[in-house]
Every structure is written in C-alpha cells, then in structure tokens.
C-alpha cells in the first residue's frame, strides 16, 4: 500500500538508531514497508513505516534479527568457533541443528526419568530450545526474508519442525501419571515412555489426532500444553510458507535501497 493511501504519518525510520531520518524526497508514492539503507550504518534495519505502530513492529523485527545473529546459541557457537579455529571455515547451520537435535533427544530421555531434578532440567532445556527455534525461523521469514538457497532453508525448517515435536515430547514424558490408553479411560492414569511421548507429540504437531493415547480427564495442564503445541506448529508452518513464497515472488520493496533511490519527487 502506498503512503498516500494512509492517514497516519509516514516516516523513514531506523530501528537501530531509534530515530526518524529526513528523506531527500516525498514519501507519498513509496510503499509502506520499503527497506532502505540507514545513512549512519548500512547494516541497520530501516524502513518506511506508518506512525508509532509501524515503529514498534520494526523494532520487534530488529530484536529478532539481533537474537538470530548475536545472541542465539548458533550465533554464540559461530563466534567461539572462529575464536578457537580462526583459519577454519565458518560453521554452518547444519551441524548446529544436529547438535540441537541430539540435546533434545537427551532431554527427552531425561524427562522420562524418575528423578525429579532431571525432569525439571529437561523441561528447562526444552522450553529454551522451543523459543530458539521459533525466534530463529520467524526472523528468517519476516526479517531476512530471502534465503540464499530455498531448498536448504526449507529442509532445515522441516528438520526444526521435527525438533519441535521432540521438544514438546519432553513435556509429555515429564509429568506425573497423566495419560490413559483408549478404552481404559476409567483406569488410573499412567506415565508414558519417552518413545510414546515422541509418538504422541508427532500426532499432535501434525494435527493427525491423538491416536491410541489420551490425556487423562483431569490433566488440565497437559491439555494446555497440547493446545500450545498446536499454536506453535501453525506459527512455524506460516514461517516456512513465508520463506517459500518470498523466494518465488521477490518484492522490490524488500530489497534495501539508498534514500535517494526511493521513488517520488526530490526536495
């Protein structure tokens, strides 16, 4: 949508500088969301936005990008790798995904333990890695937007989607007895093994159904976790679709320009 079609103030805004930038021309013919290069630092996230709401969401995108490239476990691992092996090739996302998957499998096995401390540690690890997966992929979908190789990005995304199922499986393996087999709902609830927890989580995250395992009728917290898993799964699939559609239809507004390259009469 063009700036001239809106009523709230249209500004050129840099989320890193947290300031408006005076454009050299009129913004009335510039599409909302058009990225441009900040004159202070070209790597900053800067765009044409609409009022305070536009500034707020651009800041959210900036924080997601900062997490992805500065504070995420993968970013920290890349920095340490470069420090330990300065002459080696930078570590790729693939080995990190395998490492994260291994940690989640270990957490899933820990969650099925009878030791309460191990179960709590497993849940904490799982919760953190769920957040890491979501923020990283939302950043790729809505901040980076254009992957270098779409097949690689979609493959990694599907692998991460499976990791989400493993992560939520931790929360199904950890609780006290909360499940029942189909046809035995009136019997005392039971705990399920880590393998059955993964099976149940896969059924939920793929929206296939609950299969032959059911949450016990008084397991309210478990039902809330199931609902959360469905919401997270749908959000994640949206990010995957965004990656695919952005690659197939690259919009010129999403490619950063210099301010003097924006359309419109110059002052």
C-alpha atoms as a PDB file:
ATOM      1  CA  UNK A   1       0.000   0.000   0.000  1.00  0.00           C
ATOM      2  CA  UNK A   2       1.271   3.448  -0.883  1.00  0.00           C
ATOM      3  CA  UNK A   3       1.938   6.097   1.736  1.00  0.00           C
ATOM      4  CA  UNK A   4      -0.558   8.431   0.040  1.00  0.00           C
ATOM      5  CA  UNK A   5      -3.382   5.971   0.839  1.00  0.00           C
ATOM      6  CA  UNK A   6      -2.841   6.295   4.619  1.00  0.00           C
ATOM      7  CA  UNK A   7      -3.718   8.963   7.168  1.00  0.00           C
ATOM      8  CA  UNK A   8      -1.161   8.376   9.914  1.00  0.00           C
ATOM      9  CA  UNK A   9       2.276   9.996   9.486  1.00  0.00           C
ATOM     10  CA  UNK A  10       4.621   8.135   7.148  1.00  0.00           C
ATOM     11  CA  UNK A  11       8.269   8.314   8.152  1.00  0.00           C
ATOM     12  CA  UNK A  12      11.648   6.879   7.248  1.00  0.00           C
ATOM     13  CA  UNK A  13      12.684   5.135  10.461  1.00  0.00           C
ATOM     14  CA  UNK A  14      15.771   3.225  11.616  1.00  0.00           C
ATOM     15  CA  UNK A  15      15.069   0.654  14.340  1.00  0.00           C
ATOM     16  CA  UNK A  16      18.711   0.538  15.458  1.00  0.00           C
ATOM     17  CA  UNK A  17      19.194   4.306  15.697  1.00  0.00           C
ATOM     18  CA  UNK A  18      15.651   4.620  17.107  1.00  0.00           C
ATOM     19  CA  UNK A  19      15.189   7.800  15.121  1.00  0.00           C
ATOM     20  CA  UNK A  20      13.447   9.184  12.070  1.00  0.00           C
ATOM     21  CA  UNK A  21      15.561  10.057   9.063  1.00  0.00           C
ATOM     22  CA  UNK A  22      14.754  13.006   6.844  1.00  0.00           C
ATOM     23  CA  UNK A  23      14.287  11.656   3.315  1.00  0.00           C
ATOM     24  CA  UNK A  24      15.559  13.664   0.332  1.00  0.00           C
ATOM     25  CA  UNK A  25      12.124  13.471  -1.336  1.00  0.00           C
ATOM     26  CA  UNK A  26       8.404  12.984  -0.837  1.00  0.00           C
ATOM     27  CA  UNK A  27       7.341   9.610   0.634  1.00  0.00           C
ATOM     28  CA  UNK A  28       3.760   9.765  -0.666  1.00  0.00           C
ATOM     29  CA  UNK A  29       4.477   7.389  -3.539  1.00  0.00           C
ATOM     30  CA  UNK A  30       6.616   4.945  -1.535  1.00  0.00           C
ATOM     31  CA  UNK A  31       5.152   1.618  -0.406  1.00  0.00           C
ATOM     32  CA  UNK A  32       4.818   1.084   3.338  1.00  0.00           C
ATOM     33  CA  UNK A  33       7.492  -1.365   4.484  1.00  0.00           C
ATOM     34  CA  UNK A  34      10.046  -0.419   1.823  1.00  0.00           C
ATOM     35  CA  UNK A  35      13.506  -1.031   3.237  1.00  0.00           C
ATOM     36  CA  UNK A  36      16.310   1.485   2.840  1.00  0.00           C
ATOM     37  CA  UNK A  37      19.934   1.757   3.923  1.00  0.00           C
ATOM     38  CA  UNK A  38      20.453   3.765   7.072  1.00  0.00           C
ATOM     39  CA  UNK A  39      22.924   6.597   6.347  1.00  0.00           C
ATOM     40  CA  UNK A  40      24.546   6.033   9.773  1.00  0.00           C
ATOM     41  CA  UNK A  41      25.176   2.302   9.274  1.00  0.00           C
ATOM     42  CA  UNK A  42      24.007   0.409   6.164  1.00  0.00           C
ATOM     43  CA  UNK A  43      23.506  -2.841   8.128  1.00  0.00           C
ATOM     44  CA  UNK A  44      20.848  -1.262  10.362  1.00  0.00           C
ATOM     45  CA  UNK A  45      17.219  -2.285   9.872  1.00  0.00           C
ATOM     46  CA  UNK A  46      15.464   0.762   8.413  1.00  0.00           C
ATOM     47  CA  UNK A  47      12.164   1.050   6.554  1.00  0.00           C
ATOM     48  CA  UNK A  48       9.301   3.328   5.585  1.00  0.00           C
ATOM     49  CA  UNK A  49       6.740   2.867   8.372  1.00  0.00           C
ATOM     50  CA  UNK A  50       3.403   4.256   9.453  1.00  0.00           C
ATOM     51  CA  UNK A  51       3.213   6.016  12.813  1.00  0.00           C
ATOM     52  CA  UNK A  52       4.108   4.552  16.190  1.00  0.00           C
ATOM     53  CA  UNK A  53       2.633   1.143  15.342  1.00  0.00           C
ATOM     54  CA  UNK A  54       4.972   0.761  12.382  1.00  0.00           C
ATOM     55  CA  UNK A  55       7.942   1.786  14.519  1.00  0.00           C
ATOM     56  CA  UNK A  56       7.007  -0.755  17.195  1.00  0.00           C
ATOM     57  CA  UNK A  57       6.834  -3.691  14.773  1.00  0.00           C
ATOM     58  CA  UNK A  58      10.042  -2.658  13.030  1.00  0.00           C
ATOM     59  CA  UNK A  59      11.736  -2.704  16.434  1.00  0.00           C
ATOM     60  CA  UNK A  60      10.364  -6.223  17.014  1.00  0.00           C
ATOM     61  CA  UNK A  61      11.921  -7.306  13.721  1.00  0.00           C
ATOM     62  CA  UNK A  62      15.190  -5.676  14.782  1.00  0.00           C
ATOM     63  CA  UNK A  63      15.207  -7.603  18.100  1.00  0.00           C
ATOM     64  CA  UNK A  64      14.549 -10.886  16.274  1.00  0.00           C
ATOM     65  CA  UNK A  65      17.424 -10.198  13.904  1.00  0.00           C
ATOM     66  CA  UNK A  66      19.725  -9.250  16.781  1.00  0.00           C
ATOM     67  CA  UNK A  67      18.886 -12.518  18.521  1.00  0.00           C
ATOM     68  CA  UNK A  68      19.482 -14.542  15.372  1.00  0.00           C
ATOM     69  CA  UNK A  69      22.884 -13.010  14.583  1.00  0.00           C
ATOM     70  CA  UNK A  70      24.190 -12.012  18.029  1.00  0.00           C
ATOM     71  CA  UNK A  71      22.611 -13.849  20.953  1.00  0.00           C
ATOM     72  CA  UNK A  72      21.234 -17.181  19.725  1.00  0.00           C
ATOM     73  CA  UNK A  73      23.127 -20.388  20.615  1.00  0.00           C
ATOM     74  CA  UNK A  74      24.099 -20.749  16.951  1.00  0.00           C
ATOM     75  CA  UNK A  75      25.495 -17.193  16.820  1.00  0.00           C
ATOM     76  CA  UNK A  76      27.486 -17.777  20.017  1.00  0.00           C
ATOM     77  CA  UNK A  77      28.749 -21.111  18.673  1.00  0.00           C
ATOM     78  CA  UNK A  78      29.913 -19.431  15.440  1.00  0.00           C
ATOM     79  CA  UNK A  79      31.800 -16.765  17.403  1.00  0.00           C
ATOM     80  CA  UNK A  80      33.517 -19.353  19.603  1.00  0.00           C
ATOM     81  CA  UNK A  81      34.315 -21.498  16.559  1.00  0.00           C
ATOM     82  CA  UNK A  82      36.003 -18.520  14.895  1.00  0.00           C
ATOM     83  CA  UNK A  83      37.940 -17.809  18.098  1.00  0.00           C
ATOM     84  CA  UNK A  84      39.093 -21.424  18.520  1.00  0.00           C
ATOM     85  CA  UNK A  85      39.804 -22.067  14.825  1.00  0.00           C
ATOM     86  CA  UNK A  86      40.460 -18.694  13.143  1.00  0.00           C
ATOM     87  CA  UNK A  87      41.699 -20.290   9.911  1.00  0.00           C
ATOM     88  CA  UNK A  88      38.828 -22.779   9.564  1.00  0.00           C
ATOM     89  CA  UNK A  89      35.672 -22.327   7.510  1.00  0.00           C
ATOM     90  CA  UNK A  90      32.749 -20.776   9.460  1.00  0.00           C
ATOM     91  CA  UNK A  91      30.460 -23.403  10.959  1.00  0.00           C
ATOM     92  CA  UNK A  92      27.241 -23.950   9.030  1.00  0.00           C
ATOM     93  CA  UNK A  93      23.723 -24.212  10.442  1.00  0.00           C
ATOM     94  CA  UNK A  94      23.574 -27.946   9.616  1.00  0.00           C
ATOM     95  CA  UNK A  95      25.959 -29.151  12.361  1.00  0.00           C
ATOM     96  CA  UNK A  96      24.233 -26.877  14.871  1.00  0.00           C
ATOM     97  CA  UNK A  97      20.837 -28.381  14.010  1.00  0.00           C
ATOM     98  CA  UNK A  98      22.253 -31.877  14.545  1.00  0.00           C
ATOM     99  CA  UNK A  99      23.719 -30.765  17.884  1.00  0.00           C
ATOM    100  CA  UNK A 100      20.386 -29.234  18.941  1.00  0.00           C
ATOM    101  CA  UNK A 101      18.547 -32.395  17.922  1.00  0.00           C
ATOM    102  CA  UNK A 102      20.957 -34.514  19.985  1.00  0.00           C
ATOM    103  CA  UNK A 103      20.428 -32.286  23.033  1.00  0.00           C
ATOM    104  CA  UNK A 104      16.649 -32.566  22.647  1.00  0.00           C
ATOM    105  CA  UNK A 105      16.780 -36.369  22.429  1.00  0.00           C
ATOM    106  CA  UNK A 106      18.887 -36.449  25.603  1.00  0.00           C
ATOM    107  CA  UNK A 107      16.388 -34.113  27.282  1.00  0.00           C
ATOM    108  CA  UNK A 108      13.512 -36.371  26.179  1.00  0.00           C
ATOM    109  CA  UNK A 109      15.166 -39.422  27.748  1.00  0.00           C
ATOM    110  CA  UNK A 110      15.904 -37.395  30.908  1.00  0.00           C
ATOM    111  CA  UNK A 111      12.254 -36.330  31.102  1.00  0.00           C
ATOM    112  CA  UNK A 112      11.147 -39.968  31.309  1.00  0.00           C
ATOM    113  CA  UNK A 113      13.395 -40.492  34.342  1.00  0.00           C
ATOM    114  CA  UNK A 114      12.037 -40.973  37.846  1.00  0.00           C
ATOM    115  CA  UNK A 115      14.447 -38.328  39.186  1.00  0.00           C
ATOM    116  CA  UNK A 116      12.559 -35.043  39.597  1.00  0.00           C
ATOM    117  CA  UNK A 117      15.672 -32.862  39.136  1.00  0.00           C
ATOM    118  CA  UNK A 118      16.451 -34.462  35.767  1.00  0.00           C
ATOM    119  CA  UNK A 119      12.874 -33.946  34.646  1.00  0.00           C
ATOM    120  CA  UNK A 120      12.991 -30.264  35.619  1.00  0.00           C
ATOM    121  CA  UNK A 121      16.307 -29.746  33.802  1.00  0.00           C
ATOM    122  CA  UNK A 122      14.895 -31.469  30.707  1.00  0.00           C
ATOM    123  CA  UNK A 123      11.829 -29.185  30.714  1.00  0.00           C
ATOM    124  CA  UNK A 124      14.009 -26.068  31.069  1.00  0.00           C
ATOM    125  CA  UNK A 125      16.229 -27.138  28.152  1.00  0.00           C
ATOM    126  CA  UNK A 126      13.192 -27.932  26.021  1.00  0.00           C
ATOM    127  CA  UNK A 127      11.477 -24.620  26.774  1.00  0.00           C
ATOM    128  CA  UNK A 128      14.585 -22.631  25.854  1.00  0.00           C
ATOM    129  CA  UNK A 129      15.125 -24.525  22.598  1.00  0.00           C
ATOM    130  CA  UNK A 130      11.471 -24.131  21.580  1.00  0.00           C
ATOM    131  CA  UNK A 131      11.964 -20.375  21.902  1.00  0.00           C
ATOM    132  CA  UNK A 132      15.236 -20.567  19.955  1.00  0.00           C
ATOM    133  CA  UNK A 133      13.614 -22.486  17.089  1.00  0.00           C
ATOM    134  CA  UNK A 134      10.643 -20.128  16.857  1.00  0.00           C
ATOM    135  CA  UNK A 135      12.549 -16.837  17.045  1.00  0.00           C
ATOM    136  CA  UNK A 136      15.186 -18.006  14.562  1.00  0.00           C
ATOM    137  CA  UNK A 137      12.640 -19.079  11.966  1.00  0.00           C
ATOM    138  CA  UNK A 138      10.366 -16.090  12.426  1.00  0.00           C
ATOM    139  CA  UNK A 139      13.451 -13.932  11.891  1.00  0.00           C
ATOM    140  CA  UNK A 140      14.313 -15.801   8.688  1.00  0.00           C
ATOM    141  CA  UNK A 141      10.732 -15.499   7.437  1.00  0.00           C
ATOM    142  CA  UNK A 142       9.968 -11.889   8.313  1.00  0.00           C
ATOM    143  CA  UNK A 143      13.370 -10.167   8.658  1.00  0.00           C
ATOM    144  CA  UNK A 144      15.926 -11.914   6.430  1.00  0.00           C
ATOM    145  CA  UNK A 145      13.096 -12.952   4.072  1.00  0.00           C
ATOM    146  CA  UNK A 146      15.249 -14.145   1.171  1.00  0.00           C
ATOM    147  CA  UNK A 147      17.349 -17.267   1.836  1.00  0.00           C
ATOM    148  CA  UNK A 148      20.458 -17.909  -0.214  1.00  0.00           C
ATOM    149  CA  UNK A 149      19.144 -21.355  -1.117  1.00  0.00           C
ATOM    150  CA  UNK A 150      15.408 -22.050  -0.654  1.00  0.00           C
ATOM    151  CA  UNK A 151      15.797 -25.843  -0.724  1.00  0.00           C
ATOM    152  CA  UNK A 152      18.388 -25.691   2.072  1.00  0.00           C
ATOM    153  CA  UNK A 153      16.212 -23.367   4.130  1.00  0.00           C
ATOM    154  CA  UNK A 154      13.067 -25.463   3.734  1.00  0.00           C
ATOM    155  CA  UNK A 155      14.992 -28.684   4.537  1.00  0.00           C
ATOM    156  CA  UNK A 156      16.415 -27.126   7.697  1.00  0.00           C
ATOM    157  CA  UNK A 157      12.966 -25.790   8.575  1.00  0.00           C
ATOM    158  CA  UNK A 158      11.358 -29.222   8.294  1.00  0.00           C
ATOM    159  CA  UNK A 159      14.122 -30.700  10.453  1.00  0.00           C
ATOM    160  CA  UNK A 160      13.484 -27.980  13.030  1.00  0.00           C
ATOM    161  CA  UNK A 161       9.757 -28.743  12.835  1.00  0.00           C
ATOM    162  CA  UNK A 162      10.532 -32.325  13.843  1.00  0.00           C
ATOM    163  CA  UNK A 163      12.702 -30.957  16.661  1.00  0.00           C
ATOM    164  CA  UNK A 164       9.696 -29.029  17.929  1.00  0.00           C
ATOM    165  CA  UNK A 165       7.856 -32.334  18.235  1.00  0.00           C
ATOM    166  CA  UNK A 166      10.764 -33.754  20.228  1.00  0.00           C
ATOM    167  CA  UNK A 167      10.843 -30.663  22.462  1.00  0.00           C
ATOM    168  CA  UNK A 168       7.141 -30.883  23.268  1.00  0.00           C
ATOM    169  CA  UNK A 169       7.538 -34.618  23.816  1.00  0.00           C
ATOM    170  CA  UNK A 170       9.664 -33.684  26.839  1.00  0.00           C
ATOM    171  CA  UNK A 171       6.607 -32.070  28.455  1.00  0.00           C
ATOM    172  CA  UNK A 172       4.552 -35.212  27.836  1.00  0.00           C
ATOM    173  CA  UNK A 173       7.190 -37.515  29.317  1.00  0.00           C
ATOM    174  CA  UNK A 174       7.988 -35.398  32.384  1.00  0.00           C
ATOM    175  CA  UNK A 175       4.681 -35.057  34.303  1.00  0.00           C
ATOM    176  CA  UNK A 176       3.340 -37.392  36.916  1.00  0.00           C
ATOM    177  CA  UNK A 177       0.871 -40.011  35.559  1.00  0.00           C
ATOM    178  CA  UNK A 178      -1.425 -38.080  33.210  1.00  0.00           C
ATOM    179  CA  UNK A 179      -2.259 -40.410  30.294  1.00  0.00           C
ATOM    180  CA  UNK A 180      -4.658 -43.218  29.530  1.00  0.00           C
ATOM    181  CA  UNK A 181      -4.927 -45.750  26.727  1.00  0.00           C
ATOM    182  CA  UNK A 182      -8.001 -45.547  24.537  1.00  0.00           C
ATOM    183  CA  UNK A 183     -10.703 -47.761  26.042  1.00  0.00           C
ATOM    184  CA  UNK A 184      -9.117 -47.602  29.510  1.00  0.00           C
ATOM    185  CA  UNK A 185     -10.031 -44.025  30.437  1.00  0.00           C
ATOM    186  CA  UNK A 186     -11.557 -45.101  33.777  1.00  0.00           C
ATOM    187  CA  UNK A 187      -8.371 -46.780  34.969  1.00  0.00           C
ATOM    188  CA  UNK A 188      -5.742 -44.848  36.995  1.00  0.00           C
ATOM    189  CA  UNK A 189      -3.585 -42.542  34.825  1.00  0.00           C
ATOM    190  CA  UNK A 190      -0.087 -43.595  33.818  1.00  0.00           C
ATOM    191  CA  UNK A 191       3.221 -42.097  32.733  1.00  0.00           C
ATOM    192  CA  UNK A 192       4.336 -42.881  29.210  1.00  0.00           C
ATOM    193  CA  UNK A 193       7.819 -43.725  27.955  1.00  0.00           C
ATOM    194  CA  UNK A 194       9.976 -41.224  26.078  1.00  0.00           C
ATOM    195  CA  UNK A 195       9.260 -43.070  22.818  1.00  0.00           C
ATOM    196  CA  UNK A 196       5.497 -42.926  23.367  1.00  0.00           C
ATOM    197  CA  UNK A 197       5.851 -39.254  24.312  1.00  0.00           C
ATOM    198  CA  UNK A 198       7.536 -38.554  20.976  1.00  0.00           C
ATOM    199  CA  UNK A 199       4.852 -40.566  19.175  1.00  0.00           C
ATOM    200  CA  UNK A 200       2.083 -38.622  20.913  1.00  0.00           C
ATOM    201  CA  UNK A 201       3.794 -35.281  20.194  1.00  0.00           C
ATOM    202  CA  UNK A 202       4.157 -36.121  16.500  1.00  0.00           C
ATOM    203  CA  UNK A 203       0.448 -36.928  16.294  1.00  0.00           C
ATOM    204  CA  UNK A 204      -0.402 -33.572  17.875  1.00  0.00           C
ATOM    205  CA  UNK A 205       2.007 -31.355  15.925  1.00  0.00           C
ATOM    206  CA  UNK A 206       0.969 -32.845  12.576  1.00  0.00           C
ATOM    207  CA  UNK A 207      -2.723 -32.449  13.578  1.00  0.00           C
ATOM    208  CA  UNK A 208      -3.334 -36.131  12.789  1.00  0.00           C
ATOM    209  CA  UNK A 209      -5.059 -36.720  16.101  1.00  0.00           C
ATOM    210  CA  UNK A 210      -4.352 -38.214  19.486  1.00  0.00           C
ATOM    211  CA  UNK A 211      -4.139 -41.828  18.312  1.00  0.00           C
ATOM    212  CA  UNK A 212      -4.437 -44.520  20.957  1.00  0.00           C
ATOM    213  CA  UNK A 213      -3.075 -42.364  23.821  1.00  0.00           C
ATOM    214  CA  UNK A 214      -5.279 -39.836  25.593  1.00  0.00           C
ATOM    215  CA  UNK A 215      -4.620 -37.220  28.284  1.00  0.00           C
ATOM    216  CA  UNK A 216      -6.430 -38.219  31.460  1.00  0.00           C
ATOM    217  CA  UNK A 217      -9.728 -36.437  32.036  1.00  0.00           C
ATOM    218  CA  UNK A 218      -8.337 -34.323  34.920  1.00  0.00           C
ATOM    219  CA  UNK A 219      -4.989 -33.439  33.267  1.00  0.00           C
ATOM    220  CA  UNK A 220      -5.783 -29.780  32.611  1.00  0.00           C
ATOM    221  CA  UNK A 221      -2.157 -28.646  32.335  1.00  0.00           C
ATOM    222  CA  UNK A 222      -1.464 -31.354  29.786  1.00  0.00           C
ATOM    223  CA  UNK A 223      -4.378 -30.182  27.648  1.00  0.00           C
ATOM    224  CA  UNK A 224      -2.994 -26.631  27.788  1.00  0.00           C
ATOM    225  CA  UNK A 225       0.404 -27.893  26.560  1.00  0.00           C
ATOM    226  CA  UNK A 226      -1.309 -29.728  23.693  1.00  0.00           C
ATOM    227  CA  UNK A 227      -3.100 -26.509  22.694  1.00  0.00           C
ATOM    228  CA  UNK A 228       0.169 -24.574  22.873  1.00  0.00           C
ATOM    229  CA  UNK A 229       1.906 -27.139  20.672  1.00  0.00           C
ATOM    230  CA  UNK A 230      -0.778 -26.746  18.006  1.00  0.00           C
ATOM    231  CA  UNK A 231      -0.430 -22.932  18.077  1.00  0.00           C
ATOM    232  CA  UNK A 232       3.362 -23.158  17.853  1.00  0.00           C
ATOM    233  CA  UNK A 233       3.146 -25.658  14.988  1.00  0.00           C
ATOM    234  CA  UNK A 234       0.835 -23.413  12.966  1.00  0.00           C
ATOM    235  CA  UNK A 235       3.076 -20.375  13.589  1.00  0.00           C
ATOM    236  CA  UNK A 236       6.091 -22.347  12.459  1.00  0.00           C
ATOM    237  CA  UNK A 237       4.390 -23.567   9.286  1.00  0.00           C
ATOM    238  CA  UNK A 238       3.481 -19.946   8.469  1.00  0.00           C
ATOM    239  CA  UNK A 239       7.170 -19.043   8.623  1.00  0.00           C
ATOM    240  CA  UNK A 240       8.033 -21.922   6.276  1.00  0.00           C
ATOM    241  CA  UNK A 241       5.374 -20.812   3.791  1.00  0.00           C
ATOM    242  CA  UNK A 242       6.701 -17.235   4.027  1.00  0.00           C
ATOM    243  CA  UNK A 243      10.187 -18.425   3.111  1.00  0.00           C
ATOM    244  CA  UNK A 244       8.830 -20.308   0.092  1.00  0.00           C
ATOM    245  CA  UNK A 245       6.559 -17.516  -1.166  1.00  0.00           C
ATOM    246  CA  UNK A 246       9.168 -14.781  -0.652  1.00  0.00           C
ATOM    247  CA  UNK A 247      11.625 -16.706  -2.784  1.00  0.00           C
ATOM    248  CA  UNK A 248       9.120 -17.241  -5.597  1.00  0.00           C
ATOM    249  CA  UNK A 249       7.847 -13.636  -5.617  1.00  0.00           C
ATOM    250  CA  UNK A 250      10.634 -11.283  -4.621  1.00  0.00           C
ATOM    251  CA  UNK A 251       9.075  -7.887  -3.997  1.00  0.00           C
ATOM    252  CA  UNK A 252      11.324  -4.908  -4.812  1.00  0.00           C
ATOM    253  CA  UNK A 253      10.234  -3.136  -1.604  1.00  0.00           C
ATOM    254  CA  UNK A 254      12.028  -5.828   0.406  1.00  0.00           C
ATOM    255  CA  UNK A 255      15.431  -5.054  -1.148  1.00  0.00           C
ATOM    256  CA  UNK A 256      17.128  -2.200   0.782  1.00  0.00           C
ATOM    257  CA  UNK A 257      17.745   0.971  -1.248  1.00  0.00           C
ATOM    258  CA  UNK A 258      19.559   4.212  -0.627  1.00  0.00           C
ATOM    259  CA  UNK A 259      17.223   7.004   0.447  1.00  0.00           C
ATOM    260  CA  UNK A 260      17.883   8.944  -2.731  1.00  0.00           C
ATOM    261  CA  UNK A 261      16.803   5.884  -4.775  1.00  0.00           C
ATOM    262  CA  UNK A 262      13.265   5.892  -3.382  1.00  0.00           C
ATOM    263  CA  UNK A 263      10.567   6.994  -5.837  1.00  0.00           C
ATOM    264  CA  UNK A 264       8.950  10.383  -5.564  1.00  0.00           C
ATOM    265  CA  UNK A 265       9.951  13.989  -6.255  1.00  0.00           C
ATOM    266  CA  UNK A 266      13.158  15.072  -4.578  1.00  0.00           C
ATOM    267  CA  UNK A 267      13.231  18.187  -2.424  1.00  0.00           C
END
